[in-house]
């Protein structure tokens, strides 16, 4: 009912009036949505892709915002590749996988591929371990197959893709402004030794 709430292109529901109301989310039978945040101002929905009956890819919604991109000068007078820090604004929300793609997820999507790629390329085997030993080109094939397999389960115009550098850094920073997630200095307390 558009008289009580609006839904933006990213799926964010915003109430227009106070009071209680019910939100019903419809999805294909093999898709699942997780309600993770409900306030009087908005509801945020995270998307899970069911890759098989036992393998799922959990996607978290990252809200838009502005952040300072680039590494600050560390205690050693260094910063990443001599880059200059600058403000970046991400005007649209995006979804990011909660964890690295696991070997089980990669194998489920890549099984039976006709591109000559191993569905089990990792050296350190284990279904819940991150997939490794894959190239950028391999990942593009993985994403193409994932998009084809999930096309009926994601909204029109959406697709799975590698995050941009800005999206990745914004999500990794999670609101921090220091050189490292714990602060600006390295030391024994960070498990790095001297």
C-alpha atoms as a PDB file:
ATOM      1  CA  UNK A   1       0.000   0.000   0.000  1.00  0.00           C
ATOM      2  CA  UNK A   2       1.796   3.130  -1.225  1.00  0.00           C
ATOM      3  CA  UNK A   3      -0.210   5.312   1.126  1.00  0.00           C
ATOM      4  CA  UNK A   4       1.648   3.924   4.158  1.00  0.00           C
ATOM      5  CA  UNK A   5       5.120   3.016   2.841  1.00  0.00           C
ATOM      6  CA  UNK A   6       7.466   3.293  -0.114  1.00  0.00           C
ATOM      7  CA  UNK A   7       9.915   0.709  -1.453  1.00  0.00           C
ATOM      8  CA  UNK A   8      13.018   1.958  -3.237  1.00  0.00           C
ATOM      9  CA  UNK A   9      14.840   0.186  -6.086  1.00  0.00           C
ATOM     10  CA  UNK A  10      17.142  -1.463  -3.550  1.00  0.00           C
ATOM     11  CA  UNK A  11      14.243  -2.986  -1.595  1.00  0.00           C
ATOM     12  CA  UNK A  12      14.337  -0.570   1.360  1.00  0.00           C
ATOM     13  CA  UNK A  13      10.835  -0.132   2.801  1.00  0.00           C
ATOM     14  CA  UNK A  14      10.207   3.283   4.393  1.00  0.00           C
ATOM     15  CA  UNK A  15       6.965   3.972   6.310  1.00  0.00           C
ATOM     16  CA  UNK A  16       5.212   7.236   5.407  1.00  0.00           C
ATOM     17  CA  UNK A  17       3.057   7.301   8.530  1.00  0.00           C
ATOM     18  CA  UNK A  18       3.313   6.178  12.120  1.00  0.00           C
ATOM     19  CA  UNK A  19       1.497   3.194  13.535  1.00  0.00           C
ATOM     20  CA  UNK A  20       1.678  -0.529  12.984  1.00  0.00           C
ATOM     21  CA  UNK A  21       1.449  -2.239   9.622  1.00  0.00           C
ATOM     22  CA  UNK A  22       2.411  -5.579   8.125  1.00  0.00           C
ATOM     23  CA  UNK A  23       5.021  -6.085   5.440  1.00  0.00           C
ATOM     24  CA  UNK A  24       4.748  -9.195   3.308  1.00  0.00           C
ATOM     25  CA  UNK A  25       7.745 -10.206   1.215  1.00  0.00           C
ATOM     26  CA  UNK A  26       7.132 -12.596  -1.663  1.00  0.00           C
ATOM     27  CA  UNK A  27       9.955 -14.520  -3.242  1.00  0.00           C
ATOM     28  CA  UNK A  28      10.399 -17.576  -5.455  1.00  0.00           C
ATOM     29  CA  UNK A  29      10.094 -20.826  -3.531  1.00  0.00           C
ATOM     30  CA  UNK A  30      13.821 -21.554  -3.682  1.00  0.00           C
ATOM     31  CA  UNK A  31      14.934 -18.076  -2.525  1.00  0.00           C
ATOM     32  CA  UNK A  32      15.115 -17.013   1.073  1.00  0.00           C
ATOM     33  CA  UNK A  33      15.134 -13.586   2.637  1.00  0.00           C
ATOM     34  CA  UNK A  34      16.302 -12.745   6.138  1.00  0.00           C
ATOM     35  CA  UNK A  35      14.841  -9.784   7.990  1.00  0.00           C
ATOM     36  CA  UNK A  36      17.777  -8.309   9.860  1.00  0.00           C
ATOM     37  CA  UNK A  37      16.776  -4.824  10.847  1.00  0.00           C
ATOM     38  CA  UNK A  38      13.369  -3.415  11.647  1.00  0.00           C
ATOM     39  CA  UNK A  39      12.883   0.063  13.058  1.00  0.00           C
ATOM     40  CA  UNK A  40      10.118   2.626  12.951  1.00  0.00           C
ATOM     41  CA  UNK A  41      11.970   4.222  10.025  1.00  0.00           C
ATOM     42  CA  UNK A  42      12.799   1.315   7.750  1.00  0.00           C
ATOM     43  CA  UNK A  43      13.212  -2.423   7.258  1.00  0.00           C
ATOM     44  CA  UNK A  44      16.343  -3.950   5.772  1.00  0.00           C
ATOM     45  CA  UNK A  45      16.209  -7.337   4.084  1.00  0.00           C
ATOM     46  CA  UNK A  46      19.231  -9.541   3.351  1.00  0.00           C
ATOM     47  CA  UNK A  47      19.117 -12.045   0.516  1.00  0.00           C
ATOM     48  CA  UNK A  48      20.246 -15.655   0.674  1.00  0.00           C
ATOM     49  CA  UNK A  49      20.852 -17.592  -2.506  1.00  0.00           C
ATOM     50  CA  UNK A  50      20.058 -21.282  -2.140  1.00  0.00           C
ATOM     51  CA  UNK A  51      22.639 -22.929  -4.393  1.00  0.00           C
ATOM     52  CA  UNK A  52      21.459 -26.425  -3.485  1.00  0.00           C
ATOM     53  CA  UNK A  53      19.448 -28.083  -0.737  1.00  0.00           C
ATOM     54  CA  UNK A  54      22.487 -27.869   1.554  1.00  0.00           C
ATOM     55  CA  UNK A  55      24.567 -24.970   0.208  1.00  0.00           C
ATOM     56  CA  UNK A  56      23.591 -21.338   0.680  1.00  0.00           C
ATOM     57  CA  UNK A  57      25.230 -17.998  -0.165  1.00  0.00           C
ATOM     58  CA  UNK A  58      24.315 -15.345   2.401  1.00  0.00           C
ATOM     59  CA  UNK A  59      24.299 -11.794   1.071  1.00  0.00           C
ATOM     60  CA  UNK A  60      24.254  -8.793   3.417  1.00  0.00           C
ATOM     61  CA  UNK A  61      22.819  -5.409   2.479  1.00  0.00           C
ATOM     62  CA  UNK A  62      25.331  -2.563   2.774  1.00  0.00           C
ATOM     63  CA  UNK A  63      23.658   0.822   3.123  1.00  0.00           C
ATOM     64  CA  UNK A  64      24.876   3.779   1.046  1.00  0.00           C
ATOM     65  CA  UNK A  65      27.143   6.366   2.618  1.00  0.00           C
ATOM     66  CA  UNK A  66      30.252   8.514   2.412  1.00  0.00           C
ATOM     67  CA  UNK A  67      33.716   7.510   3.612  1.00  0.00           C
ATOM     68  CA  UNK A  68      37.353   8.501   3.297  1.00  0.00           C
ATOM     69  CA  UNK A  69      38.952   6.115   0.823  1.00  0.00           C
ATOM     70  CA  UNK A  70      42.644   5.326   0.924  1.00  0.00           C
ATOM     71  CA  UNK A  71      45.025   4.406   3.675  1.00  0.00           C
ATOM     72  CA  UNK A  72      45.973   7.056   6.192  1.00  0.00           C
ATOM     73  CA  UNK A  73      49.671   7.564   6.836  1.00  0.00           C
ATOM     74  CA  UNK A  74      50.776   4.884   9.302  1.00  0.00           C
ATOM     75  CA  UNK A  75      53.193   5.268  12.192  1.00  0.00           C
ATOM     76  CA  UNK A  76      55.944   4.298   9.733  1.00  0.00           C
ATOM     77  CA  UNK A  77      55.095   7.167   7.359  1.00  0.00           C
ATOM     78  CA  UNK A  78      53.670   4.767   4.773  1.00  0.00           C
ATOM     79  CA  UNK A  79      50.370   4.606   3.003  1.00  0.00           C
ATOM     80  CA  UNK A  80      49.012   2.298   0.347  1.00  0.00           C
ATOM     81  CA  UNK A  81      50.786   2.889  -2.967  1.00  0.00           C
ATOM     82  CA  UNK A  82      51.362   6.574  -2.167  1.00  0.00           C
ATOM     83  CA  UNK A  83      47.662   7.246  -2.704  1.00  0.00           C
ATOM     84  CA  UNK A  84      45.923  10.390  -1.529  1.00  0.00           C
ATOM     85  CA  UNK A  85      42.938   9.941   0.741  1.00  0.00           C
ATOM     86  CA  UNK A  86      39.705  11.232  -0.759  1.00  0.00           C
ATOM     87  CA  UNK A  87      35.984  11.274   0.008  1.00  0.00           C
ATOM     88  CA  UNK A  88      33.823   8.731  -1.820  1.00  0.00           C
ATOM     89  CA  UNK A  89      30.036   8.617  -1.725  1.00  0.00           C
ATOM     90  CA  UNK A  90      28.212   5.392  -2.550  1.00  0.00           C
ATOM     91  CA  UNK A  91      24.715   6.590  -3.415  1.00  0.00           C
ATOM     92  CA  UNK A  92      23.108   3.157  -3.742  1.00  0.00           C
ATOM     93  CA  UNK A  93      22.937   0.242  -1.337  1.00  0.00           C
ATOM     94  CA  UNK A  94      24.492  -3.014  -2.489  1.00  0.00           C
ATOM     95  CA  UNK A  95      24.688  -6.611  -1.341  1.00  0.00           C
ATOM     96  CA  UNK A  96      27.947  -8.289  -0.375  1.00  0.00           C
ATOM     97  CA  UNK A  97      28.571 -11.916   0.484  1.00  0.00           C
ATOM     98  CA  UNK A  98      28.798 -12.313   4.263  1.00  0.00           C
ATOM     99  CA  UNK A  99      31.870 -14.551   3.909  1.00  0.00           C
ATOM    100  CA  UNK A 100      34.375 -15.486   1.246  1.00  0.00           C
ATOM    101  CA  UNK A 101      32.993 -17.903  -1.351  1.00  0.00           C
ATOM    102  CA  UNK A 102      33.512 -21.349   0.112  1.00  0.00           C
ATOM    103  CA  UNK A 103      34.726 -24.416  -1.713  1.00  0.00           C
ATOM    104  CA  UNK A 104      31.260 -25.973  -1.336  1.00  0.00           C
ATOM    105  CA  UNK A 105      29.613 -22.905  -2.913  1.00  0.00           C
ATOM    106  CA  UNK A 106      32.144 -22.768  -5.752  1.00  0.00           C
ATOM    107  CA  UNK A 107      31.821 -26.492  -6.457  1.00  0.00           C
ATOM    108  CA  UNK A 108      28.013 -26.317  -6.460  1.00  0.00           C
ATOM    109  CA  UNK A 109      28.025 -23.545  -9.070  1.00  0.00           C
ATOM    110  CA  UNK A 110      30.957 -24.858 -11.152  1.00  0.00           C
ATOM    111  CA  UNK A 111      30.044 -28.568 -11.247  1.00  0.00           C
ATOM    112  CA  UNK A 112      29.647 -29.711 -14.840  1.00  0.00           C
ATOM    113  CA  UNK A 113      31.022 -26.500 -16.384  1.00  0.00           C
ATOM    114  CA  UNK A 114      32.049 -26.778 -20.025  1.00  0.00           C
ATOM    115  CA  UNK A 115      34.850 -24.234 -19.674  1.00  0.00           C
ATOM    116  CA  UNK A 116      37.482 -26.803 -18.710  1.00  0.00           C
ATOM    117  CA  UNK A 117      37.730 -25.462 -15.153  1.00  0.00           C
ATOM    118  CA  UNK A 118      38.035 -27.694 -12.124  1.00  0.00           C
ATOM    119  CA  UNK A 119      35.068 -27.405  -9.795  1.00  0.00           C
ATOM    120  CA  UNK A 120      37.481 -28.275  -6.962  1.00  0.00           C
ATOM    121  CA  UNK A 121      40.606 -26.152  -7.570  1.00  0.00           C
ATOM    122  CA  UNK A 122      41.661 -25.528  -3.967  1.00  0.00           C
ATOM    123  CA  UNK A 123      44.872 -26.875  -2.461  1.00  0.00           C
ATOM    124  CA  UNK A 124      43.561 -26.809   1.108  1.00  0.00           C
ATOM    125  CA  UNK A 125      40.430 -28.941   0.865  1.00  0.00           C
ATOM    126  CA  UNK A 126      37.399 -28.415   3.042  1.00  0.00           C
ATOM    127  CA  UNK A 127      33.835 -27.473   2.087  1.00  0.00           C
ATOM    128  CA  UNK A 128      33.612 -24.494   4.432  1.00  0.00           C
ATOM    129  CA  UNK A 129      37.094 -23.184   3.652  1.00  0.00           C
ATOM    130  CA  UNK A 130      37.396 -20.293   1.188  1.00  0.00           C
ATOM    131  CA  UNK A 131      37.965 -21.323  -2.413  1.00  0.00           C
ATOM    132  CA  UNK A 132      41.497 -20.551  -3.592  1.00  0.00           C
ATOM    133  CA  UNK A 133      43.646 -21.242  -6.642  1.00  0.00           C
ATOM    134  CA  UNK A 134      41.169 -19.418  -8.914  1.00  0.00           C
ATOM    135  CA  UNK A 135      41.998 -16.575 -11.282  1.00  0.00           C
ATOM    136  CA  UNK A 136      40.049 -13.418 -12.061  1.00  0.00           C
ATOM    137  CA  UNK A 137      38.925 -15.079 -15.309  1.00  0.00           C
ATOM    138  CA  UNK A 138      37.748 -18.163 -13.365  1.00  0.00           C
ATOM    139  CA  UNK A 139      35.694 -15.914 -11.092  1.00  0.00           C
ATOM    140  CA  UNK A 140      34.063 -14.244 -14.092  1.00  0.00           C
ATOM    141  CA  UNK A 141      32.920 -17.686 -15.289  1.00  0.00           C
ATOM    142  CA  UNK A 142      31.720 -18.507 -11.764  1.00  0.00           C
ATOM    143  CA  UNK A 143      29.704 -15.265 -11.675  1.00  0.00           C
ATOM    144  CA  UNK A 144      28.248 -15.881 -15.130  1.00  0.00           C
ATOM    145  CA  UNK A 145      27.111 -19.355 -14.063  1.00  0.00           C
ATOM    146  CA  UNK A 146      25.797 -18.074 -10.709  1.00  0.00           C
ATOM    147  CA  UNK A 147      23.769 -15.352 -12.465  1.00  0.00           C
ATOM    148  CA  UNK A 148      22.321 -17.901 -14.899  1.00  0.00           C
ATOM    149  CA  UNK A 149      21.435 -20.312 -12.078  1.00  0.00           C
ATOM    150  CA  UNK A 150      19.886 -17.593  -9.873  1.00  0.00           C
ATOM    151  CA  UNK A 151      18.211 -15.484 -12.591  1.00  0.00           C
ATOM    152  CA  UNK A 152      14.700 -16.434 -11.435  1.00  0.00           C
ATOM    153  CA  UNK A 153      15.541 -15.643  -7.801  1.00  0.00           C
ATOM    154  CA  UNK A 154      16.906 -12.096  -8.041  1.00  0.00           C
ATOM    155  CA  UNK A 155      15.062  -8.935  -9.091  1.00  0.00           C
ATOM    156  CA  UNK A 156      15.146  -7.934 -12.761  1.00  0.00           C
ATOM    157  CA  UNK A 157      18.252  -5.944 -13.588  1.00  0.00           C
ATOM    158  CA  UNK A 158      20.243  -7.290 -10.630  1.00  0.00           C
ATOM    159  CA  UNK A 159      23.303  -9.515 -10.934  1.00  0.00           C
ATOM    160  CA  UNK A 160      26.133 -10.999  -8.922  1.00  0.00           C
ATOM    161  CA  UNK A 161      29.477  -9.278  -9.569  1.00  0.00           C
ATOM    162  CA  UNK A 162      32.794  -8.590  -7.869  1.00  0.00           C
ATOM    163  CA  UNK A 163      32.503  -5.481  -5.697  1.00  0.00           C
ATOM    164  CA  UNK A 164      34.202  -2.331  -6.916  1.00  0.00           C
ATOM    165  CA  UNK A 165      37.293  -1.139  -5.047  1.00  0.00           C
ATOM    166  CA  UNK A 166      35.158   1.564  -3.405  1.00  0.00           C
ATOM    167  CA  UNK A 167      32.432  -0.887  -2.346  1.00  0.00           C
ATOM    168  CA  UNK A 168      35.007  -3.317  -0.940  1.00  0.00           C
ATOM    169  CA  UNK A 169      36.887  -0.700   1.078  1.00  0.00           C
ATOM    170  CA  UNK A 170      33.648   0.882   2.355  1.00  0.00           C
ATOM    171  CA  UNK A 171      32.377  -2.472   3.591  1.00  0.00           C
ATOM    172  CA  UNK A 172      35.737  -3.489   5.077  1.00  0.00           C
ATOM    173  CA  UNK A 173      36.163  -0.197   6.910  1.00  0.00           C
ATOM    174  CA  UNK A 174      32.714  -0.565   8.504  1.00  0.00           C
ATOM    175  CA  UNK A 175      32.842   3.024   9.691  1.00  0.00           C
ATOM    176  CA  UNK A 176      36.453   3.022  10.940  1.00  0.00           C
ATOM    177  CA  UNK A 177      38.880   5.759   9.906  1.00  0.00           C
ATOM    178  CA  UNK A 178      42.161   4.348  11.225  1.00  0.00           C
ATOM    179  CA  UNK A 179      44.967   2.610   9.339  1.00  0.00           C
ATOM    180  CA  UNK A 180      43.917  -0.747  10.829  1.00  0.00           C
ATOM    181  CA  UNK A 181      40.604  -1.938  12.208  1.00  0.00           C
ATOM    182  CA  UNK A 182      42.026  -1.743  15.760  1.00  0.00           C
ATOM    183  CA  UNK A 183      43.773   1.649  15.419  1.00  0.00           C
ATOM    184  CA  UNK A 184      46.820   3.260  13.849  1.00  0.00           C
ATOM    185  CA  UNK A 185      49.666   1.257  15.383  1.00  0.00           C
ATOM    186  CA  UNK A 186      51.105  -2.231  15.007  1.00  0.00           C
ATOM    187  CA  UNK A 187      52.326  -4.151  18.022  1.00  0.00           C
ATOM    188  CA  UNK A 188      52.359  -7.389  19.983  1.00  0.00           C
ATOM    189  CA  UNK A 189      48.774  -6.834  21.157  1.00  0.00           C
ATOM    190  CA  UNK A 190      47.679  -7.178  17.509  1.00  0.00           C
ATOM    191  CA  UNK A 191      49.254 -10.628  17.239  1.00  0.00           C
ATOM    192  CA  UNK A 192      51.877  -9.419  14.780  1.00  0.00           C
ATOM    193  CA  UNK A 193      54.993  -9.513  16.935  1.00  0.00           C
ATOM    194  CA  UNK A 194      57.880  -7.110  16.593  1.00  0.00           C
END
